Amino acid sequence: MRSATPKVLHDLCGLPMVLWPVRAAQAAGAGRIVVVDSPERALAAVLPEGVELAVQERPDGTGGAAAAGMTCVAQGAALDPATPVVILSGDVPLVSAEAIEGLIDAHVRSGAQATMASTILADPSGYGRVVRDAAGAVQRVVETKAHGDSTQAEREIREVNTGIFAFSAQALAAALPRLSTDNAQGELYLPQVLDVLRADGGAVAGHVVADDSLVLQINDRAQLAQVRAIAQRAIIERHLQAGVGVVDPAATVIDIDVRIGADTLIEPFCTLRGGTTIGERCVIRHSYLLDCVLEDGVSVGPFAYLRPGTVLRSASRVGTFVEVKNSDVGSGTKIPHLSYIGDADIGEGSNLGAATITANYDGHAKHRTTVGDRVRTGIDTALVAPVSVGDDAYTGAGSVITEDVPPGALGIARAKQVNLEGYAERGPRSR
């Protein structure tokens, strides 16, 4: 990935890559989930409650990772011999609960000690190839990371190992200590377990996943972009099927945990991040909203910026090129355009004229501004906090308000206009 960030912590539609297979395992009904990490434990901070962390002390390959995971499993409650161990890859994020359940069903039906999930790729470059015998049974997996690991004929095979397996727990635990680093990479390859099991007379089955997009692996940023595009299409399709309108899916970004009510319309060039929740019958325009709350009937934008802590009460309106931060805007209040409202409490039914500014920072600390109900500010009003404007009050255009305005009053704070007659004739242009 050419990044200081561990590969499986790279973002995929609002979720670290590693949490995609974790969620799939949870949805498939996994009894225990163990995630294998490096000694730095970088994944610990993102794992949900109940997911266990195992440490792979040295980077000795997928076989070493599986051994670390099984050591963690052995330290807990004894496994039911009838319960298979499913191994997923943190860099194969799109695997679904249905794909996991299909693998488990195939494993149970086969009675095999191991069942490998494979798929057919038009371009299998970089993947381990699945070698089958004349009867079609899985014989082995040939790695292709280094040229010496495979032959040209083996590299032409299009069936690939997905890195997803179901094992008999006892068979896996017995086979892992027998893996060898005798390969071009000097690593313990998990697929070598299949060789060990076959050498002991055990059965190894294969389960082909028909939808190859579910088992695409990510090894670089180009592959991450490819998988992100697939995931984004699936997310938008899910919302479309739930009754959400998306005018241009190709010009829309929606994270996986976003919730949108039916009959809401998403206009082009919208990005919905994180845990955003949108109700029913809304219209979403191109604005930037972060950690804020909008009640029913609110209108925002286009091109507005709502920063954390903003609350827009019912039927309020924030218009074009308005920024609001850490403020509570009352029901029916309008801030139509070209204004900055920061650290303010604004009552109901007020109208803040164009270029109304709350000067909330004095160079040392932030202060709040209070605006009452039914207030009308003139254009280019600056409210220098801490200051309050009472109910039904007005401010004159171009005023810098530094003292409280009583209810029902008109606050004007500007110099008296002076016209200099004949200035054009004797001013700078006449020299």
Protein backbone atom coordinates (compact mmCIF):
# COMPACT_ATOMS: atom_id res chain seq x y z
CA MET A 1 0.00 0.00 0.00
CA ARG A 2 3.07 2.26 0.37
CA SER A 3 1.54 3.70 3.53
CA ALA A 4 2.36 4.09 7.21
CA THR A 5 -1.17 2.85 7.90
CA PRO A 6 -1.52 -0.95 8.17
CA LYS A 7 -3.24 -2.30 5.07
CA VAL A 8 -6.35 -3.61 6.78
CA LEU A 9 -6.93 -0.27 8.53
CA HIS A 10 -7.37 1.60 5.27
CA ASP A 11 -10.86 3.03 4.93
CA LEU A 12 -13.40 1.25 2.77
CA CYS A 13 -16.66 3.20 2.50
CA GLY A 14 -16.51 4.49 6.05
CA LEU A 15 -15.21 1.35 7.74
CA PRO A 16 -11.67 0.01 8.27
CA MET A 17 -11.10 -2.80 5.81
CA VAL A 18 -10.65 -5.41 8.54
CA LEU A 19 -14.11 -4.80 9.97
CA TRP A 20 -15.87 -5.87 6.77
CA PRO A 21 -15.06 -9.59 7.22
CA VAL A 22 -15.60 -9.22 10.98
CA ARG A 23 -19.13 -7.98 10.38
CA ALA A 24 -19.73 -10.72 7.82
CA ALA A 25 -18.66 -13.33 10.37
CA GLN A 26 -20.97 -11.81 12.97
CA ALA A 27 -23.87 -11.85 10.52
CA ALA A 28 -23.12 -15.50 9.70
CA GLY A 29 -23.54 -16.38 13.38
CA ALA A 30 -19.92 -16.98 14.40
CA GLY A 31 -19.63 -18.19 17.98
CA ARG A 32 -16.17 -16.68 18.49
CA ILE A 33 -14.24 -14.23 16.35
CA VAL A 34 -10.46 -13.90 16.69
CA VAL A 35 -8.52 -11.25 14.75
CA VAL A 36 -4.78 -11.78 14.35
CA ASP A 37 -2.60 -8.68 14.65
CA SER A 38 1.09 -7.76 14.72
CA PRO A 39 2.89 -7.04 18.02
CA GLU A 40 2.03 -3.34 17.61
CA ARG A 41 -1.66 -4.22 18.13
CA ALA A 42 -2.78 -1.50 15.73
CA LEU A 43 -6.14 -3.20 15.22
CA ALA A 44 -7.13 -3.27 18.89
CA ALA A 45 -8.64 0.22 18.81
CA VAL A 46 -11.15 -0.57 16.04
CA LEU A 47 -12.37 -4.03 17.01
CA PRO A 48 -15.94 -4.20 18.32
CA GLU A 49 -16.74 -5.55 21.77
CA GLY A 50 -16.56 -9.32 21.98
CA VAL A 51 -14.00 -9.75 19.18
CA GLU A 52 -10.77 -11.28 20.48
CA LEU A 53 -7.26 -10.21 19.49
CA ALA A 54 -4.40 -12.64 18.90
CA VAL A 55 -0.81 -11.51 18.29
CA GLN A 56 1.42 -12.96 15.57
CA GLU A 57 4.82 -12.30 17.14
CA ARG A 58 6.78 -12.39 13.87
CA PRO A 59 5.71 -11.95 10.23
CA ASP A 60 5.99 -15.59 9.19
CA GLY A 61 3.08 -15.77 6.77
CA THR A 62 -0.54 -16.82 6.73
CA GLY A 63 0.28 -20.14 8.37
CA GLY A 64 1.87 -18.30 11.28
CA ALA A 65 -1.18 -16.05 11.56
CA ALA A 66 -3.47 -19.10 11.70
CA ALA A 67 -1.27 -20.67 14.39
CA ALA A 68 -1.48 -17.47 16.49
CA GLY A 69 -5.26 -17.46 16.12
CA MET A 70 -5.58 -21.12 17.10
CA THR A 71 -3.38 -20.54 20.16
CA CYS A 72 -5.79 -17.83 21.25
CA VAL A 73 -8.75 -20.12 20.60
CA ALA A 74 -7.16 -22.93 22.64
CA GLN A 75 -6.84 -20.60 25.62
CA GLY A 76 -10.61 -20.20 25.76
CA ALA A 77 -13.45 -22.65 26.07
CA ALA A 78 -12.99 -26.02 24.36
CA LEU A 79 -14.24 -26.13 20.79
CA ASP A 80 -17.11 -28.36 19.81
CA PRO A 81 -15.54 -30.93 17.43
CA ALA A 82 -18.59 -30.57 15.18
CA THR A 83 -18.09 -26.80 14.84
CA PRO A 84 -15.80 -25.84 11.94
CA VAL A 85 -13.14 -23.16 12.15
CA VAL A 86 -13.53 -20.62 9.35
CA ILE A 87 -10.50 -18.55 8.39
CA LEU A 88 -11.10 -15.25 6.61
CA SER A 89 -8.60 -12.70 5.31
CA GLY A 90 -8.61 -9.12 6.50
CA ASP A 91 -7.68 -7.96 3.00
CA VAL A 92 -10.65 -9.77 1.38
CA PRO A 93 -13.30 -7.39 2.70
CA LEU A 94 -16.32 -8.01 0.50
CA VAL A 95 -16.95 -11.58 1.64
CA SER A 96 -20.59 -11.83 2.66
CA ALA A 97 -22.37 -13.70 5.41
CA GLU A 98 -24.10 -15.73 2.68
CA ALA A 99 -20.73 -16.72 1.18
CA ILE A 100 -19.47 -17.83 4.59
CA GLU A 101 -22.63 -19.83 5.23
CA GLY A 102 -22.30 -21.44 1.79
CA LEU A 103 -18.73 -22.48 2.56
CA ILE A 104 -19.75 -23.98 5.91
CA ASP A 105 -22.64 -25.89 4.31
CA ALA A 106 -20.31 -27.27 1.64
CA HIS A 107 -17.76 -28.24 4.28
CA VAL A 108 -20.32 -30.07 6.43
CA ARG A 109 -21.82 -31.90 3.43
CA SER A 110 -18.42 -33.03 2.16
CA GLY A 111 -17.28 -34.50 5.48
CA ALA A 112 -13.80 -33.19 4.58
CA GLN A 113 -11.19 -32.06 7.07
CA ALA A 114 -10.70 -28.88 5.07
CA THR A 115 -12.75 -27.00 2.51
CA MET A 116 -11.23 -24.16 0.52
CA ALA A 117 -13.23 -21.36 -1.05
CA SER A 118 -12.02 -20.63 -4.55
CA THR A 119 -13.19 -18.55 -7.47
CA ILE A 120 -12.47 -18.13 -11.17
CA LEU A 121 -10.75 -14.88 -12.22
CA ALA A 122 -10.16 -13.58 -15.72
CA ASP A 123 -6.86 -12.17 -14.44
CA PRO A 124 -5.54 -14.35 -11.59
CA SER A 125 -2.24 -12.45 -11.23
CA GLY A 126 -0.95 -12.43 -7.68
CA TYR A 127 -3.25 -15.17 -6.41
CA GLY A 128 -2.37 -18.72 -5.41
CA ARG A 129 -3.62 -21.18 -8.05
CA VAL A 130 -5.82 -24.17 -7.22
CA VAL A 131 -4.48 -27.42 -8.65
CA ARG A 132 -7.04 -30.22 -8.94
CA ASP A 133 -6.53 -33.89 -9.73
CA ALA A 134 -8.11 -35.79 -12.63
CA ALA A 135 -11.26 -36.37 -10.61
CA GLY A 136 -11.63 -32.66 -9.83
CA ALA A 137 -10.64 -32.90 -6.18
CA VAL A 138 -8.41 -30.18 -4.71
CA GLN A 139 -4.85 -31.39 -4.81
CA ARG A 140 -2.89 -28.36 -3.64
CA VAL A 141 -2.53 -24.58 -3.86
CA VAL A 142 0.48 -23.18 -5.67
CA GLU A 143 1.71 -19.74 -4.59
CA THR A 144 2.79 -17.32 -7.31
CA LYS A 145 4.29 -14.41 -5.38
CA ALA A 146 7.79 -15.50 -6.35
CA HIS A 147 8.70 -17.05 -9.71
CA GLY A 148 10.26 -20.12 -8.14
CA ASP A 149 7.06 -21.10 -6.36
CA SER A 150 5.18 -22.20 -9.52
CA THR A 151 5.53 -23.42 -13.08
CA GLN A 152 4.25 -21.63 -16.17
CA ALA A 153 1.45 -24.18 -16.54
CA GLU A 154 0.38 -23.60 -12.95
CA ARG A 155 0.40 -19.83 -13.44
CA GLU A 156 -2.03 -20.23 -16.34
CA ILE A 157 -4.68 -21.74 -14.03
CA ARG A 158 -7.55 -19.28 -13.48
CA GLU A 159 -9.05 -20.89 -10.38
CA VAL A 160 -7.55 -19.13 -7.39
CA ASN A 161 -7.34 -19.49 -3.65
CA THR A 162 -9.41 -16.80 -1.95
CA GLY A 163 -7.69 -17.13 1.43
CA ILE A 164 -10.95 -18.36 2.94
CA PHE A 165 -11.13 -21.85 4.46
CA ALA A 166 -13.26 -24.05 6.68
CA PHE A 167 -11.36 -26.61 8.76
CA SER A 168 -11.97 -29.31 11.29
CA ALA A 169 -10.54 -27.63 14.39
CA GLN A 170 -8.66 -30.76 15.48
CA ALA A 171 -7.19 -31.35 12.03
CA LEU A 172 -6.08 -27.72 11.71
CA ALA A 173 -4.46 -27.65 15.15
CA ALA A 174 -2.55 -30.85 14.39
CA ALA A 175 -1.36 -29.71 10.95
CA LEU A 176 -0.15 -26.17 11.71
CA PRO A 177 3.03 -27.19 13.64
CA ARG A 178 4.08 -29.28 10.61
CA LEU A 179 4.20 -26.41 8.11
CA SER A 180 7.51 -25.64 6.43
CA THR A 181 9.24 -22.44 5.35
CA ASP A 182 10.89 -24.28 2.46
CA ASN A 183 9.65 -21.90 -0.25
CA ALA A 184 10.83 -18.81 -2.11
CA GLN A 185 9.27 -16.47 0.47
CA GLY A 186 10.51 -18.35 3.52
CA GLU A 187 7.03 -18.16 5.02
CA LEU A 188 4.47 -20.54 6.46
CA TYR A 189 1.68 -20.73 3.88
CA LEU A 190 -1.75 -21.65 5.24
CA PRO A 191 -2.59 -23.66 2.09
CA GLN A 192 0.24 -26.04 3.07
CA VAL A 193 -2.22 -27.37 5.65
CA LEU A 194 -4.05 -28.97 2.72
CA ASP A 195 -0.87 -30.84 1.74
CA VAL A 196 -0.39 -32.08 5.28
CA LEU A 197 -3.98 -33.28 5.56
CA ARG A 198 -3.85 -35.05 2.21
CA ALA A 199 -0.55 -36.72 3.15
CA ASP A 200 -2.29 -38.09 6.25
CA GLY A 201 -5.12 -39.45 4.11
CA GLY A 202 -7.57 -36.69 4.99
CA ALA A 203 -10.12 -35.30 2.54
CA VAL A 204 -9.81 -31.77 1.13
CA ALA A 205 -12.80 -30.23 -0.62
CA GLY A 206 -13.20 -27.18 -2.79
CA HIS A 207 -16.13 -24.73 -2.88
CA VAL A 208 -16.27 -22.33 -5.81
CA VAL A 209 -17.72 -18.90 -5.04
CA ALA A 210 -19.60 -17.87 -8.17
CA ASP A 211 -19.46 -14.11 -7.53
CA ASP A 212 -15.75 -13.36 -7.74
CA SER A 213 -16.28 -9.79 -6.48
CA LEU A 214 -16.95 -11.22 -2.99
CA VAL A 215 -13.46 -12.64 -2.71
CA LEU A 216 -11.27 -9.99 -4.35
CA GLN A 217 -8.07 -9.39 -2.43
CA ILE A 218 -6.53 -5.97 -1.80
CA ASN A 219 -2.77 -5.61 -1.98
CA ASP A 220 -2.34 -2.07 -3.28
CA ARG A 221 -4.24 1.19 -3.68
CA ALA A 222 -5.35 0.36 -7.20
CA GLN A 223 -7.07 -2.81 -5.95
CA LEU A 224 -8.53 -0.83 -3.03
CA ALA A 225 -10.08 1.60 -5.51
CA GLN A 226 -11.48 -1.30 -7.53
CA VAL A 227 -13.04 -2.92 -4.46
CA ARG A 228 -14.33 0.44 -3.18
CA ALA A 229 -16.17 0.98 -6.46
CA ILE A 230 -17.84 -2.43 -6.12
CA ALA A 231 -18.76 -1.78 -2.49
CA GLN A 232 -20.13 1.68 -3.30
CA ARG A 233 -22.35 0.32 -6.07
CA ALA A 234 -23.73 -2.29 -3.66
CA ILE A 235 -24.42 0.32 -0.97
CA ILE A 236 -26.27 2.60 -3.36
CA GLU A 237 -28.21 -0.33 -4.83
CA ARG A 238 -29.34 -1.26 -1.32
CA HIS A 239 -30.69 2.25 -0.75
CA LEU A 240 -32.36 2.34 -4.14
CA GLN A 241 -34.14 -0.92 -3.41
CA ALA A 242 -35.29 0.55 -0.07
CA GLY A 243 -37.04 3.46 -1.78
CA VAL A 244 -34.31 6.11 -1.70
CA GLY A 245 -33.84 8.21 -4.84
CA VAL A 246 -30.28 8.77 -6.06
CA VAL A 247 -30.25 11.04 -9.11
CA ASP A 248 -26.74 10.11 -10.25
CA PRO A 249 -25.16 7.11 -8.48
CA ALA A 250 -21.85 7.74 -10.23
CA ALA A 251 -21.68 11.20 -8.64
CA THR A 252 -22.73 10.11 -5.14
CA VAL A 253 -20.72 8.71 -2.22
CA ILE A 254 -22.49 6.94 0.65
CA ASP A 255 -20.70 5.21 3.53
CA ILE A 256 -21.81 1.77 4.68
CA ASP A 257 -23.38 2.89 7.99
CA VAL A 258 -25.45 5.76 6.55
CA ARG A 259 -29.21 5.37 7.09
CA ILE A 260 -31.69 7.04 4.72
CA GLY A 261 -35.47 7.05 4.91
CA ALA A 262 -37.79 6.16 2.04
CA ASP A 263 -38.69 8.81 -0.56
CA THR A 264 -35.61 10.87 0.25
CA LEU A 265 -33.84 12.20 -2.84
CA ILE A 266 -30.05 12.46 -3.03
CA GLU A 267 -28.98 15.01 -5.61
CA PRO A 268 -25.66 14.72 -7.52
CA PHE A 269 -22.27 15.38 -5.92
CA CYS A 270 -23.41 14.51 -2.40
CA THR A 271 -21.15 12.65 0.02
CA LEU A 272 -22.77 11.03 3.06
CA ARG A 273 -20.22 9.90 5.64
CA GLY A 274 -20.01 7.97 8.89
CA GLY A 275 -23.18 7.38 10.89
CA THR A 276 -25.30 9.93 9.04
CA THR A 277 -29.04 9.38 9.49
CA ILE A 278 -31.56 11.00 7.13
CA GLY A 279 -35.29 10.75 7.58
CA GLU A 280 -38.05 10.21 5.04
CA ARG A 281 -39.08 12.59 2.22
CA CYS A 282 -35.91 14.72 2.43
CA VAL A 283 -33.98 16.33 -0.42
CA ILE A 284 -30.19 16.32 0.01
CA ARG A 285 -28.24 18.97 -1.90
CA HIS A 286 -24.55 19.61 -2.20
CA SER A 287 -23.52 20.86 1.25
CA TYR A 288 -21.04 19.78 3.92
CA LEU A 289 -22.56 18.53 7.17
CA LEU A 290 -20.50 17.08 10.01
CA ASP A 291 -21.78 15.83 13.39
CA CYS A 292 -24.94 17.93 13.34
CA VAL A 293 -28.69 17.40 13.82
CA LEU A 294 -31.43 18.55 11.45
CA GLU A 295 -35.05 18.31 12.52
CA ASP A 296 -38.09 17.89 10.25
CA GLY A 297 -38.71 20.41 7.49
CA VAL A 298 -35.22 21.94 7.53
CA SER A 299 -33.67 23.34 4.34
CA VAL A 300 -29.90 23.50 3.87
CA GLY A 301 -27.77 24.79 1.01
CA PRO A 302 -26.69 24.33 -1.57
CA PHE A 303 -23.06 24.95 -0.62
CA ALA A 304 -23.60 25.32 3.12
CA TYR A 305 -21.20 24.10 5.82
CA LEU A 306 -22.63 22.77 9.08
CA ARG A 307 -19.88 22.01 11.59
CA PRO A 308 -19.99 19.84 14.73
CA GLY A 309 -22.48 20.80 17.41
CA THR A 310 -24.97 22.42 15.05
CA VAL A 311 -28.67 21.84 15.67
CA LEU A 312 -31.25 23.12 13.19
CA ARG A 313 -34.74 23.06 14.65
CA SER A 314 -37.86 22.27 12.62
CA ALA A 315 -38.55 24.34 9.48
CA SER A 316 -35.39 26.41 9.87
CA ARG A 317 -33.35 27.34 6.82
CA VAL A 318 -29.63 27.68 6.16
CA GLY A 319 -28.89 28.93 2.67
CA THR A 320 -26.04 29.23 0.20
CA PHE A 321 -22.53 29.85 1.52
CA VAL A 322 -23.57 29.85 5.17
CA GLU A 323 -21.35 28.29 7.84
CA VAL A 324 -22.81 27.26 11.18
CA LYS A 325 -20.76 25.86 14.06
CA ASN A 326 -21.76 24.69 17.56
CA SER A 327 -25.02 26.61 17.40
CA ASP A 328 -28.70 25.97 18.07
CA VAL A 329 -30.92 27.55 15.40
CA GLY A 330 -34.58 27.85 16.41
CA SER A 331 -37.67 26.65 14.58
CA GLY A 332 -38.53 28.68 11.50
CA THR A 333 -35.40 30.80 11.68
CA LYS A 334 -33.72 31.73 8.38
CA ILE A 335 -30.05 32.35 7.67
CA PRO A 336 -30.40 32.73 3.90
CA HIS A 337 -26.87 33.39 2.63
CA LEU A 338 -23.27 34.48 3.13
CA SER A 339 -23.18 34.30 6.94
CA TYR A 340 -21.07 32.74 9.70
CA ILE A 341 -22.86 31.70 12.88
CA GLY A 342 -20.57 30.19 15.52
CA ASP A 343 -21.24 29.40 19.19
CA ALA A 344 -24.70 30.95 19.11
CA ASP A 345 -28.21 30.28 20.39
CA ILE A 346 -30.85 31.68 18.06
CA GLY A 347 -34.54 31.74 18.85
CA GLU A 348 -37.56 30.95 16.73
CA GLY A 349 -38.77 32.83 13.68
CA SER A 350 -35.72 35.07 13.32
CA ASN A 351 -34.15 36.23 10.06
CA LEU A 352 -30.43 36.92 9.88
CA GLY A 353 -29.60 39.14 6.93
CA ALA A 354 -26.84 38.44 4.42
CA ALA A 355 -23.33 38.53 5.86
CA THR A 356 -24.44 38.36 9.49
CA ILE A 357 -21.41 37.31 11.53
CA THR A 358 -20.99 36.20 15.11
CA ALA A 359 -17.50 37.24 16.21
CA ASN A 360 -17.09 34.47 18.74
CA TYR A 361 -13.33 34.55 19.41
CA ASP A 362 -11.53 37.37 21.20
CA GLY A 363 -8.05 35.96 20.64
CA HIS A 364 -8.04 34.05 23.93
CA ALA A 365 -11.40 32.31 24.37
CA LYS A 366 -14.66 31.51 22.58
CA HIS A 367 -17.85 33.30 23.67
CA ARG A 368 -21.50 32.71 22.85
CA THR A 369 -24.02 34.96 21.17
CA THR A 370 -27.72 34.86 22.07
CA VAL A 371 -30.37 35.98 19.58
CA GLY A 372 -33.99 35.93 20.63
CA ASP A 373 -37.23 35.12 18.82
CA ARG A 374 -38.41 37.07 15.76
CA VAL A 375 -35.16 39.07 15.50
CA ARG A 376 -34.26 40.81 12.21
CA THR A 377 -30.61 41.62 11.57
CA GLY A 378 -29.66 43.96 8.74
CA ILE A 379 -27.07 42.95 6.17
CA ASP A 380 -23.43 43.07 7.25
CA THR A 381 -24.22 42.88 10.95
CA ALA A 382 -21.38 41.71 13.21
CA LEU A 383 -22.40 40.45 16.64
CA VAL A 384 -19.32 40.60 18.88
CA ALA A 385 -19.67 37.96 21.59
CA PRO A 386 -20.56 37.80 24.36
CA VAL A 387 -23.64 39.74 23.34
CA SER A 388 -27.41 39.18 23.23
CA VAL A 389 -30.18 40.51 21.01
CA GLY A 390 -33.62 40.47 22.63
CA ASP A 391 -36.90 39.19 21.20
CA ASP A 392 -38.40 41.23 18.32
CA ALA A 393 -35.27 43.39 18.07
CA TYR A 394 -33.62 44.74 14.91
CA THR A 395 -30.10 45.71 13.90
CA GLY A 396 -29.23 48.28 11.29
CA ALA A 397 -27.31 47.28 8.17
CA GLY A 398 -23.55 47.47 8.58
CA SER A 399 -23.68 47.52 12.38
CA VAL A 400 -21.01 46.13 14.70
CA ILE A 401 -23.00 45.21 17.80
CA THR A 402 -20.82 45.11 20.95
CA GLU A 403 -23.52 45.73 23.58
CA ASP A 404 -26.80 43.92 24.27
CA VAL A 405 -29.84 45.02 22.24
CA PRO A 406 -33.00 45.11 24.38
CA PRO A 407 -36.21 43.38 23.22
CA GLY A 408 -38.05 45.34 20.55
CA ALA A 409 -35.19 47.82 20.06
CA LEU A 410 -33.21 48.79 16.96
CA GLY A 411 -29.46 48.50 17.44
CA ILE A 412 -27.32 50.67 15.17
CA ALA A 413 -23.54 50.83 15.53
CA ARG A 414 -21.94 52.56 12.56
CA ALA A 415 -20.43 55.94 11.68
CA LYS A 416 -22.70 58.64 10.30
CA GLN A 417 -22.46 58.93 6.52
CA VAL A 418 -20.59 61.98 5.20
CA ASN A 419 -20.68 63.00 1.51
CA LEU A 420 -17.79 65.12 0.24
CA GLU A 421 -19.11 67.21 -2.64
CA GLY A 422 -16.78 67.66 -5.62
CA TYR A 423 -14.42 64.92 -4.49
CA ALA A 424 -14.04 63.48 -8.03
CA GLU A 425 -12.74 66.79 -9.35
CA ARG A 426 -10.18 67.32 -6.57
CA GLY A 427 -9.54 63.70 -5.58
CA PRO A 428 -6.76 61.26 -6.64
CA ARG A 429 -7.94 60.98 -10.26
CA SER A 430 -7.45 64.71 -10.86
CA ARG A 431 -3.74 64.61 -10.01
